[in-house]
Amino acid sequence: MTAQWWLVAYDVADQRRRTRLHKLLSGFGEAVQKSVFVCPLDWRHKARLEALLRRQPLESGDRLDWFRIEGAQSLGESQALAAALNPVPLVIVE
């Protein structure tokens, strides 16, 4: 199965929990802001990330949201992200 794009954003007050989330998400995607990640996830990676995120302690007032992205575009500085969101078609010439 091909990967689907997910936007993961968090707002966590505690520095230690915030750092832990940042490190965790860095293994699954690219930070486009300090607490916003874009992650290409196939069903296995999505299930793994979801299980790991459910283990993260959130306190009252903390937020952790993720959304599937369809038809995404990147107009920012990240060339890797822009290339991933808008892949060049592969042409094989024999």
PDB file of N, CA and C in Angstrom:
ATOM      1  N   MET A   1       0.838  -1.179   0.000  1.00  0.00           N
ATOM      2  CA  MET A   1       0.000   0.000   0.000  1.00  0.00           C
ATOM      3  C   MET A   1       0.885   1.245   0.000  1.00  0.00           C
ATOM      4  N   THR A   2       0.466   2.242  -0.732  1.00  0.00           N
ATOM      5  CA  THR A   2       1.238   3.478  -0.783  1.00  0.00           C
ATOM      6  C   THR A   2       0.997   4.307   0.469  1.00  0.00           C
ATOM      7  N   ALA A   3       1.928   5.175   0.730  1.00  0.00           N
ATOM      8  CA  ALA A   3       1.830   6.023   1.914  1.00  0.00           C
ATOM      9  C   ALA A   3       0.784   7.112   1.712  1.00  0.00           C
ATOM     10  N   GLN A   4       0.133   7.462   2.797  1.00  0.00           N
ATOM     11  CA  GLN A   4      -0.756   8.610   2.824  1.00  0.00           C
ATOM     12  C   GLN A   4      -0.057   9.688   3.648  1.00  0.00           C
ATOM     13  N   TRP A   5      -0.374  10.932   3.356  1.00  0.00           N
ATOM     14  CA  TRP A   5       0.245  12.044   4.065  1.00  0.00           C
ATOM     15  C   TRP A   5      -0.601  12.438   5.265  1.00  0.00           C
ATOM     16  N   TRP A   6       0.076  12.650   6.387  1.00  0.00           N
ATOM     17  CA  TRP A   6      -0.592  13.032   7.636  1.00  0.00           C
ATOM     18  C   TRP A   6       0.056  14.283   8.201  1.00  0.00           C
ATOM     19  N   LEU A   7      -0.761  15.178   8.713  1.00  0.00           N
ATOM     20  CA  LEU A   7      -0.291  16.356   9.418  1.00  0.00           C
ATOM     21  C   LEU A   7      -0.481  16.075  10.904  1.00  0.00           C
ATOM     22  N   VAL A   8       0.592  16.183  11.676  1.00  0.00           N
ATOM     23  CA  VAL A   8       0.535  15.941  13.111  1.00  0.00           C
ATOM     24  C   VAL A   8       0.967  17.221  13.814  1.00  0.00           C
ATOM     25  N   ALA A   9       0.112  17.729  14.702  1.00  0.00           N
ATOM     26  CA  ALA A   9       0.412  18.964  15.423  1.00  0.00           C
ATOM     27  C   ALA A   9       0.167  18.739  16.910  1.00  0.00           C
ATOM     28  N   TYR A  10       1.015  19.342  17.716  1.00  0.00           N
ATOM     29  CA  TYR A  10       0.832  19.222  19.156  1.00  0.00           C
ATOM     30  C   TYR A  10       1.061  20.554  19.845  1.00  0.00           C
ATOM     31  N   ASP A  11       0.414  20.713  20.985  1.00  0.00           N
ATOM     32  CA  ASP A  11       0.586  21.874  21.854  1.00  0.00           C
ATOM     33  C   ASP A  11       0.690  21.307  23.262  1.00  0.00           C
ATOM     34  N   VAL A  12       1.916  21.196  23.746  1.00  0.00           N
ATOM     35  CA  VAL A  12       2.191  20.559  25.030  1.00  0.00           C
ATOM     36  C   VAL A  12       2.960  21.545  25.901  1.00  0.00           C
ATOM     37  N   ALA A  13       2.487  21.758  27.119  1.00  0.00           N
ATOM     38  CA  ALA A  13       3.079  22.761  28.003  1.00  0.00           C
ATOM     39  C   ALA A  13       4.443  22.341  28.562  1.00  0.00           C
ATOM     40  N   ASP A  14       4.586  21.082  28.926  1.00  0.00           N
ATOM     41  CA  ASP A  14       5.805  20.611  29.585  1.00  0.00           C
ATOM     42  C   ASP A  14       6.933  20.402  28.580  1.00  0.00           C
ATOM     43  N   GLN A  15       8.097  21.004  28.841  1.00  0.00           N
ATOM     44  CA  GLN A  15       9.241  20.925  27.932  1.00  0.00           C
ATOM     45  C   GLN A  15       9.703  19.490  27.690  1.00  0.00           C
ATOM     46  N   ARG A  16       9.754  18.686  28.727  1.00  0.00           N
ATOM     47  CA  ARG A  16      10.218  17.299  28.593  1.00  0.00           C
ATOM     48  C   ARG A  16       9.281  16.498  27.682  1.00  0.00           C
ATOM     49  N   ARG A  17       7.976  16.609  27.888  1.00  0.00           N
ATOM     50  CA  ARG A  17       7.017  15.886  27.038  1.00  0.00           C
ATOM     51  C   ARG A  17       7.044  16.420  25.606  1.00  0.00           C
ATOM     52  N   ARG A  18       7.217  17.729  25.474  1.00  0.00           N
ATOM     53  CA  ARG A  18       7.286  18.344  24.145  1.00  0.00           C
ATOM     54  C   ARG A  18       8.515  17.850  23.384  1.00  0.00           C
ATOM     55  N   THR A  19       9.648  17.780  24.058  1.00  0.00           N
ATOM     56  CA  THR A  19      10.876  17.278  23.429  1.00  0.00           C
ATOM     57  C   THR A  19      10.729  15.817  23.036  1.00  0.00           C
ATOM     58  N   ARG A  20      10.115  15.021  23.905  1.00  0.00           N
ATOM     59  CA  ARG A  20       9.897  13.599  23.615  1.00  0.00           C
ATOM     60  C   ARG A  20       9.026  13.431  22.370  1.00  0.00           C
ATOM     61  N   LEU A  21       7.957  14.221  22.259  1.00  0.00           N
ATOM     62  CA  LEU A  21       7.091  14.148  21.080  1.00  0.00           C
ATOM     63  C   LEU A  21       7.838  14.568  19.815  1.00  0.00           C
ATOM     64  N   HIS A  22       8.632  15.615  19.923  1.00  0.00           N
ATOM     65  CA  HIS A  22       9.393  16.086  18.760  1.00  0.00           C
ATOM     66  C   HIS A  22      10.345  14.994  18.262  1.00  0.00           C
ATOM     67  N   LYS A  23      11.063  14.358  19.170  1.00  0.00           N
ATOM     68  CA  LYS A  23      11.991  13.285  18.788  1.00  0.00           C
ATOM     69  C   LYS A  23      11.243  12.105  18.175  1.00  0.00           C
ATOM     70  N   LEU A  24      10.124  11.747  18.769  1.00  0.00           N
ATOM     71  CA  LEU A  24       9.326  10.640  18.251  1.00  0.00           C
ATOM     72  C   LEU A  24       8.857  10.930  16.829  1.00  0.00           C
ATOM     73  N   LEU A  25       8.275  12.099  16.619  1.00  0.00           N
ATOM     74  CA  LEU A  25       7.733  12.439  15.304  1.00  0.00           C
ATOM     75  C   LEU A  25       8.825  12.634  14.261  1.00  0.00           C
ATOM     76  N   SER A  26      10.019  13.035  14.693  1.00  0.00           N
ATOM     77  CA  SER A  26      11.132  13.193  13.753  1.00  0.00           C
ATOM     78  C   SER A  26      11.484  11.879  13.071  1.00  0.00           C
ATOM     79  N   GLY A  27      11.183  10.774  13.710  1.00  0.00           N
ATOM     80  CA  GLY A  27      11.438   9.472  13.121  1.00  0.00           C
ATOM     81  C   GLY A  27      10.400   9.048  12.087  1.00  0.00           C
ATOM     82  N   PHE A  28       9.318   9.805  11.983  1.00  0.00           N
ATOM     83  CA  PHE A  28       8.236   9.436  11.077  1.00  0.00           C
ATOM     84  C   PHE A  28       7.981  10.460   9.970  1.00  0.00           C
ATOM     85  N   GLY A  29       8.487  11.677  10.144  1.00  0.00           N
ATOM     86  CA  GLY A  29       8.196  12.699   9.153  1.00  0.00           C
ATOM     87  C   GLY A  29       9.117  13.889   9.283  1.00  0.00           C
ATOM     88  N   GLU A  30       8.693  14.985   8.662  1.00  0.00           N
ATOM     89  CA  GLU A  30       9.495  16.198   8.623  1.00  0.00           C
ATOM     90  C   GLU A  30       8.789  17.314   9.382  1.00  0.00           C
ATOM     91  N   ALA A  31       9.539  17.999  10.241  1.00  0.00           N
ATOM     92  CA  ALA A  31       8.989  19.137  10.962  1.00  0.00           C
ATOM     93  C   ALA A  31       8.866  20.317  10.004  1.00  0.00           C
ATOM     94  N   VAL A  32       7.664  20.850   9.875  1.00  0.00           N
ATOM     95  CA  VAL A  32       7.459  22.032   9.045  1.00  0.00           C
ATOM     96  C   VAL A  32       7.298  23.276   9.922  1.00  0.00           C
ATOM     97  N   GLN A  33       7.097  23.066  11.193  1.00  0.00           N
ATOM     98  CA  GLN A  33       7.118  24.073  12.247  1.00  0.00           C
ATOM     99  C   GLN A  33       7.669  23.348  13.475  1.00  0.00           C
ATOM    100  N   LYS A  34       7.884  24.064  14.570  1.00  0.00           N
ATOM    101  CA  LYS A  34       8.445  23.411  15.758  1.00  0.00           C
ATOM    102  C   LYS A  34       7.555  22.273  16.261  1.00  0.00           C
ATOM    103  N   SER A  35       6.258  22.424  16.174  1.00  0.00           N
ATOM    104  CA  SER A  35       5.359  21.397  16.694  1.00  0.00           C
ATOM    105  C   SER A  35       4.361  20.909  15.646  1.00  0.00           C
ATOM    106  N   VAL A  36       4.736  21.003  14.383  1.00  0.00           N
ATOM    107  CA  VAL A  36       3.889  20.531  13.284  1.00  0.00           C
ATOM    108  C   VAL A  36       4.743  19.680  12.351  1.00  0.00           C
ATOM    109  N   PHE A  37       4.283  18.464  12.105  1.00  0.00           N
ATOM    110  CA  PHE A  37       5.010  17.526  11.258  1.00  0.00           C
ATOM    111  C   PHE A  37       4.124  17.072  10.110  1.00  0.00           C
ATOM    112  N   VAL A  38       4.760  16.799   8.984  1.00  0.00           N
ATOM    113  CA  VAL A  38       4.094  16.146   7.857  1.00  0.00           C
ATOM    114  C   VAL A  38       4.763  14.787   7.716  1.00  0.00           C
ATOM    115  N   CYS A  39       3.936  13.746   7.761  1.00  0.00           N
ATOM    116  CA  CYS A  39       4.456  12.379   7.785  1.00  0.00           C
ATOM    117  C   CYS A  39       3.841  11.540   6.673  1.00  0.00           C
ATOM    118  N   PRO A  40       4.668  10.914   5.821  1.00  0.00           N
ATOM    119  CA  PRO A  40       4.153   9.953   4.850  1.00  0.00           C
ATOM    120  C   PRO A  40       4.085   8.585   5.532  1.00  0.00           C
ATOM    121  N   LEU A  41       2.879   8.062   5.728  1.00  0.00           N
ATOM    122  CA  LEU A  41       2.724   6.828   6.495  1.00  0.00           C
ATOM    123  C   LEU A  41       1.939   5.791   5.717  1.00  0.00           C
ATOM    124  N   ASP A  42       2.525   4.608   5.559  1.00  0.00           N
ATOM    125  CA  ASP A  42       1.732   3.488   5.069  1.00  0.00           C
ATOM    126  C   ASP A  42       0.981   2.929   6.286  1.00  0.00           C
ATOM    127  N   TRP A  43       0.169   1.918   6.093  1.00  0.00           N
ATOM    128  CA  TRP A  43      -0.680   1.453   7.194  1.00  0.00           C
ATOM    129  C   TRP A  43       0.135   0.913   8.364  1.00  0.00           C
ATOM    130  N   ARG A  44       1.282   0.297   8.101  1.00  0.00           N
ATOM    131  CA  ARG A  44       2.122  -0.222   9.194  1.00  0.00           C
ATOM    132  C   ARG A  44       2.723   0.905  10.028  1.00  0.00           C
ATOM    133  N   HIS A  45       3.285   1.900   9.337  1.00  0.00           N
ATOM    134  CA  HIS A  45       3.886   3.020  10.060  1.00  0.00           C
ATOM    135  C   HIS A  45       2.827   3.838  10.798  1.00  0.00           C
ATOM    136  N   LYS A  46       1.651   3.970  10.204  1.00  0.00           N
ATOM    137  CA  LYS A  46       0.569   4.697  10.873  1.00  0.00           C
ATOM    138  C   LYS A  46       0.171   3.978  12.149  1.00  0.00           C
ATOM    139  N   ALA A  47       0.014   2.657  12.083  1.00  0.00           N
ATOM    140  CA  ALA A  47      -0.352   1.888  13.270  1.00  0.00           C
ATOM    141  C   ALA A  47       0.725   1.993  14.347  1.00  0.00           C
ATOM    142  N   ARG A  48       1.982   1.934  13.931  1.00  0.00           N
ATOM    143  CA  ARG A  48       3.100   2.046  14.887  1.00  0.00           C
ATOM    144  C   ARG A  48       3.126   3.426  15.539  1.00  0.00           C
ATOM    145  N   LEU A  49       2.989   4.468  14.720  1.00  0.00           N
ATOM    146  CA  LEU A  49       2.993   5.823  15.262  1.00  0.00           C
ATOM    147  C   LEU A  49       1.808   6.038  16.196  1.00  0.00           C
ATOM    148  N   GLU A  50       0.647   5.561  15.807  1.00  0.00           N
ATOM    149  CA  GLU A  50      -0.534   5.718  16.656  1.00  0.00           C
ATOM    150  C   GLU A  50      -0.334   5.037  18.009  1.00  0.00           C
ATOM    151  N   ALA A  51       0.232   3.839  18.002  1.00  0.00           N
ATOM    152  CA  ALA A  51       0.491   3.125  19.259  1.00  0.00           C
ATOM    153  C   ALA A  51       1.480   3.906  20.129  1.00  0.00           C
ATOM    154  N   LEU A  52       2.525   4.440  19.511  1.00  0.00           N
ATOM    155  CA  LEU A  52       3.520   5.211  20.268  1.00  0.00           C
ATOM    156  C   LEU A  52       2.932   6.512  20.802  1.00  0.00           C
ATOM    157  N   LEU A  53       2.093   7.170  20.011  1.00  0.00           N
ATOM    158  CA  LEU A  53       1.480   8.415  20.464  1.00  0.00           C
ATOM    159  C   LEU A  53       0.499   8.177  21.610  1.00  0.00           C
ATOM    160  N   ARG A  54      -0.204   7.054  21.573  1.00  0.00           N
ATOM    161  CA  ARG A  54      -1.150   6.748  22.661  1.00  0.00           C
ATOM    162  C   ARG A  54      -0.429   6.534  23.994  1.00  0.00           C
ATOM    163  N   ARG A  55       0.841   6.178  23.943  1.00  0.00           N
ATOM    164  CA  ARG A  55       1.631   5.976  25.165  1.00  0.00           C
ATOM    165  C   ARG A  55       2.165   7.283  25.749  1.00  0.00           C
ATOM    166  N   GLN A  56       2.078   8.360  24.976  1.00  0.00           N
ATOM    167  CA  GLN A  56       2.603   9.642  25.454  1.00  0.00           C
ATOM    168  C   GLN A  56       1.611  10.259  26.442  1.00  0.00           C
ATOM    169  N   PRO A  57       2.096  10.617  27.619  1.00  0.00           N
ATOM    170  CA  PRO A  57       1.189  11.214  28.608  1.00  0.00           C
ATOM    171  C   PRO A  57       0.823  12.644  28.219  1.00  0.00           C
ATOM    172  N   LEU A  58      -0.466  12.919  28.157  1.00  0.00           N
ATOM    173  CA  LEU A  58      -0.948  14.275  27.913  1.00  0.00           C
ATOM    174  C   LEU A  58      -1.701  14.733  29.156  1.00  0.00           C
ATOM    175  N   GLU A  59      -1.499  15.969  29.511  1.00  0.00           N
ATOM    176  CA  GLU A  59      -2.167  16.515  30.679  1.00  0.00           C
ATOM    177  C   GLU A  59      -3.264  17.460  30.240  1.00  0.00           C
ATOM    178  N   SER A  60      -4.040  17.901  31.176  1.00  0.00           N
ATOM    179  CA  SER A  60      -5.123  18.829  30.889  1.00  0.00           C
ATOM    180  C   SER A  60      -4.564  20.060  30.179  1.00  0.00           C
ATOM    181  N   GLY A  61      -5.172  20.432  29.083  1.00  0.00           N
ATOM    182  CA  GLY A  61      -4.718  21.581  28.310  1.00  0.00           C
ATOM    183  C   GLY A  61      -3.792  21.216  27.166  1.00  0.00           C
ATOM    184  N   ASP A  62      -3.193  20.010  27.187  1.00  0.00           N
ATOM    185  CA  ASP A  62      -2.342  19.559  26.087  1.00  0.00           C
ATOM    186  C   ASP A  62      -3.213  19.133  24.912  1.00  0.00           C
ATOM    187  N   ARG A  63      -2.669  19.278  23.700  1.00  0.00           N
ATOM    188  CA  ARG A  63      -3.368  18.829  22.487  1.00  0.00           C
ATOM    189  C   ARG A  63      -2.410  18.066  21.604  1.00  0.00           C
ATOM    190  N   LEU A  64      -2.936  17.046  20.981  1.00  0.00           N
ATOM    191  CA  LEU A  64      -2.209  16.295  19.968  1.00  0.00           C
ATOM    192  C   LEU A  64      -3.242  15.917  18.912  1.00  0.00           C
ATOM    193  N   ASP A  65      -3.087  16.483  17.733  1.00  0.00           N
ATOM    194  CA  ASP A  65      -4.046  16.271  16.655  1.00  0.00           C
ATOM    195  C   ASP A  65      -3.315  15.787  15.423  1.00  0.00           C
ATOM    196  N   TRP A  66      -3.989  14.932  14.652  1.00  0.00           N
ATOM    197  CA  TRP A  66      -3.432  14.556  13.353  1.00  0.00           C
ATOM    198  C   TRP A  66      -4.544  14.381  12.351  1.00  0.00           C
ATOM    199  N   PHE A  67      -4.211  14.759  11.120  1.00  0.00           N
ATOM    200  CA  PHE A  67      -5.185  14.822  10.045  1.00  0.00           C
ATOM    201  C   PHE A  67      -4.573  14.244   8.781  1.00  0.00           C
ATOM    202  N   ARG A  68      -5.377  13.504   8.038  1.00  0.00           N
ATOM    203  CA  ARG A  68      -4.911  13.013   6.740  1.00  0.00           C
ATOM    204  C   ARG A  68      -4.980  14.161   5.747  1.00  0.00           C
ATOM    205  N   ILE A  69      -3.927  14.300   4.956  1.00  0.00           N
ATOM    206  CA  ILE A  69      -3.831  15.381   3.981  1.00  0.00           C
ATOM    207  C   ILE A  69      -4.128  14.798   2.599  1.00  0.00           C
ATOM    208  N   GLU A  70      -5.000  15.458   1.859  1.00  0.00           N
ATOM    209  CA  GLU A  70      -5.275  15.066   0.485  1.00  0.00           C
ATOM    210  C   GLU A  70      -4.970  16.246  -0.424  1.00  0.00           C
ATOM    211  N   GLY A  71      -4.327  15.985  -1.534  1.00  0.00           N
ATOM    212  CA  GLY A  71      -4.035  17.040  -2.492  1.00  0.00           C
ATOM    213  C   GLY A  71      -3.191  18.152  -1.897  1.00  0.00           C
ATOM    214  N   ALA A  72      -2.176  17.791  -1.118  1.00  0.00           N
ATOM    215  CA  ALA A  72      -1.372  18.786  -0.416  1.00  0.00           C
ATOM    216  C   ALA A  72      -0.418  19.503  -1.351  1.00  0.00           C
ATOM    217  N   GLN A  73      -0.093  20.712  -0.973  1.00  0.00           N
ATOM    218  CA  GLN A  73       0.919  21.496  -1.675  1.00  0.00           C
ATOM    219  C   GLN A  73       1.823  22.126  -0.630  1.00  0.00           C
ATOM    220  N   SER A  74       3.072  22.272  -0.972  1.00  0.00           N
ATOM    221  CA  SER A  74       4.007  22.969  -0.100  1.00  0.00           C
ATOM    222  C   SER A  74       4.580  24.142  -0.854  1.00  0.00           C
ATOM    223  N   LEU A  75       4.477  25.320  -0.263  1.00  0.00           N
ATOM    224  CA  LEU A  75       5.040  26.516  -0.871  1.00  0.00           C
ATOM    225  C   LEU A  75       6.159  27.071   0.001  1.00  0.00           C
ATOM    226  N   GLY A  76       6.589  26.283   0.991  1.00  0.00           N
ATOM    227  CA  GLY A  76       7.598  26.733   1.931  1.00  0.00           C
ATOM    228  C   GLY A  76       9.008  26.462   1.453  1.00  0.00           C
ATOM    229  N   GLU A  77       9.939  26.519   2.396  1.00  0.00           N
ATOM    230  CA  GLU A  77      11.358  26.391   2.099  1.00  0.00           C
ATOM    231  C   GLU A  77      11.818  24.952   1.919  1.00  0.00           C
ATOM    232  N   SER A  78      11.061  24.000   2.404  1.00  0.00           N
ATOM    233  CA  SER A  78      11.514  22.618   2.393  1.00  0.00           C
ATOM    234  C   SER A  78      11.418  22.014   0.999  1.00  0.00           C
ATOM    235  N   GLN A  79      12.550  21.880   0.337  1.00  0.00           N
ATOM    236  CA  GLN A  79      12.556  21.294  -1.003  1.00  0.00           C
ATOM    237  C   GLN A  79      12.241  19.806  -0.951  1.00  0.00           C
ATOM    238  N   ALA A  80      12.706  19.128   0.107  1.00  0.00           N
ATOM    239  CA  ALA A  80      12.432  17.694   0.230  1.00  0.00           C
ATOM    240  C   ALA A  80      10.942  17.452   0.398  1.00  0.00           C
ATOM    241  N   LEU A  81      10.297  18.255   1.219  1.00  0.00           N
ATOM    242  CA  LEU A  81       8.860  18.101   1.426  1.00  0.00           C
ATOM    243  C   LEU A  81       8.093  18.450   0.159  1.00  0.00           C
ATOM    244  N   ALA A  82       8.465  19.529  -0.496  1.00  0.00           N
ATOM    245  CA  ALA A  82       7.790  19.919  -1.735  1.00  0.00           C
ATOM    246  C   ALA A  82       7.930  18.837  -2.790  1.00  0.00           C
ATOM    247  N   ALA A  83       9.116  18.237  -2.890  1.00  0.00           N
ATOM    248  CA  ALA A  83       9.332  17.166  -3.865  1.00  0.00           C
ATOM    249  C   ALA A  83       8.509  15.935  -3.519  1.00  0.00           C
ATOM    250  N   ALA A  84       8.399  15.640  -2.233  1.00  0.00           N
ATOM    251  CA  ALA A  84       7.627  14.466  -1.811  1.00  0.00           C
ATOM    252  C   ALA A  84       6.138  14.673  -2.044  1.00  0.00           C
ATOM    253  N   LEU A  85       5.653  15.887  -1.834  1.00  0.00           N
ATOM    254  CA  LEU A  85       4.233  16.161  -2.034  1.00  0.00           C
ATOM    255  C   LEU A  85       3.873  16.255  -3.510  1.00  0.00           C
ATOM    256  N   ASN A  86       4.845  16.597  -4.340  1.00  0.00           N
ATOM    257  CA  ASN A  86       4.615  16.747  -5.774  1.00  0.00           C
ATOM    258  C   ASN A  86       5.681  15.963  -6.531  1.00  0.00           C
ATOM    259  N   PRO A  87       5.623  14.628  -6.479  1.00  0.00           N
ATOM    260  CA  PRO A  87       6.691  13.831  -7.094  1.00  0.00           C
ATOM    261  C   PRO A  87       6.727  13.987  -8.602  1.00  0.00           C
ATOM    262  N   VAL A  88       7.940  13.914  -9.131  1.00  0.00           N
ATOM    263  CA  VAL A  88       8.131  13.957 -10.585  1.00  0.00           C
ATOM    264  C   VAL A  88       7.776  12.570 -11.123  1.00  0.00           C
ATOM    265  N   PRO A  89       6.960  12.515 -12.166  1.00  0.00           N
ATOM    266  CA  PRO A  89       6.602  11.210 -12.708  1.00  0.00           C
ATOM    267  C   PRO A  89       7.832  10.482 -13.236  1.00  0.00           C
ATOM    268  N   LEU A  90       7.888   9.212 -13.001  1.00  0.00           N
ATOM    269  CA  LEU A  90       8.997   8.385 -13.446  1.00  0.00           C
ATOM    270  C   LEU A  90       8.744   7.949 -14.890  1.00  0.00           C
ATOM    271  N   VAL A  91       9.712   8.227 -15.739  1.00  0.00           N
ATOM    272  CA  VAL A  91       9.598   7.846 -17.153  1.00  0.00           C
ATOM    273  C   VAL A  91      10.750   6.897 -17.452  1.00  0.00           C
ATOM    274  N   ILE A  92      10.421   5.718 -17.939  1.00  0.00           N
ATOM    275  CA  ILE A  92      11.427   4.735 -18.297  1.00  0.00           C
ATOM    276  C   ILE A  92      11.473   4.633 -19.809  1.00  0.00           C
ATOM    277  N   VAL A  93      12.648   4.877 -20.379  1.00  0.00           N
ATOM    278  CA  VAL A  93      12.828   4.813 -21.826  1.00  0.00           C
ATOM    279  C   VAL A  93      13.710   3.604 -22.116  1.00  0.00           C
ATOM    280  N   GLU A  94      13.229   2.750 -22.965  1.00  0.00           N
ATOM    281  CA  GLU A  94      14.012   1.557 -23.315  1.00  0.00           C
ATOM    282  C   GLU A  94      14.563   1.684 -24.716  1.00  0.00           C
TER     283      GLU A  94
END
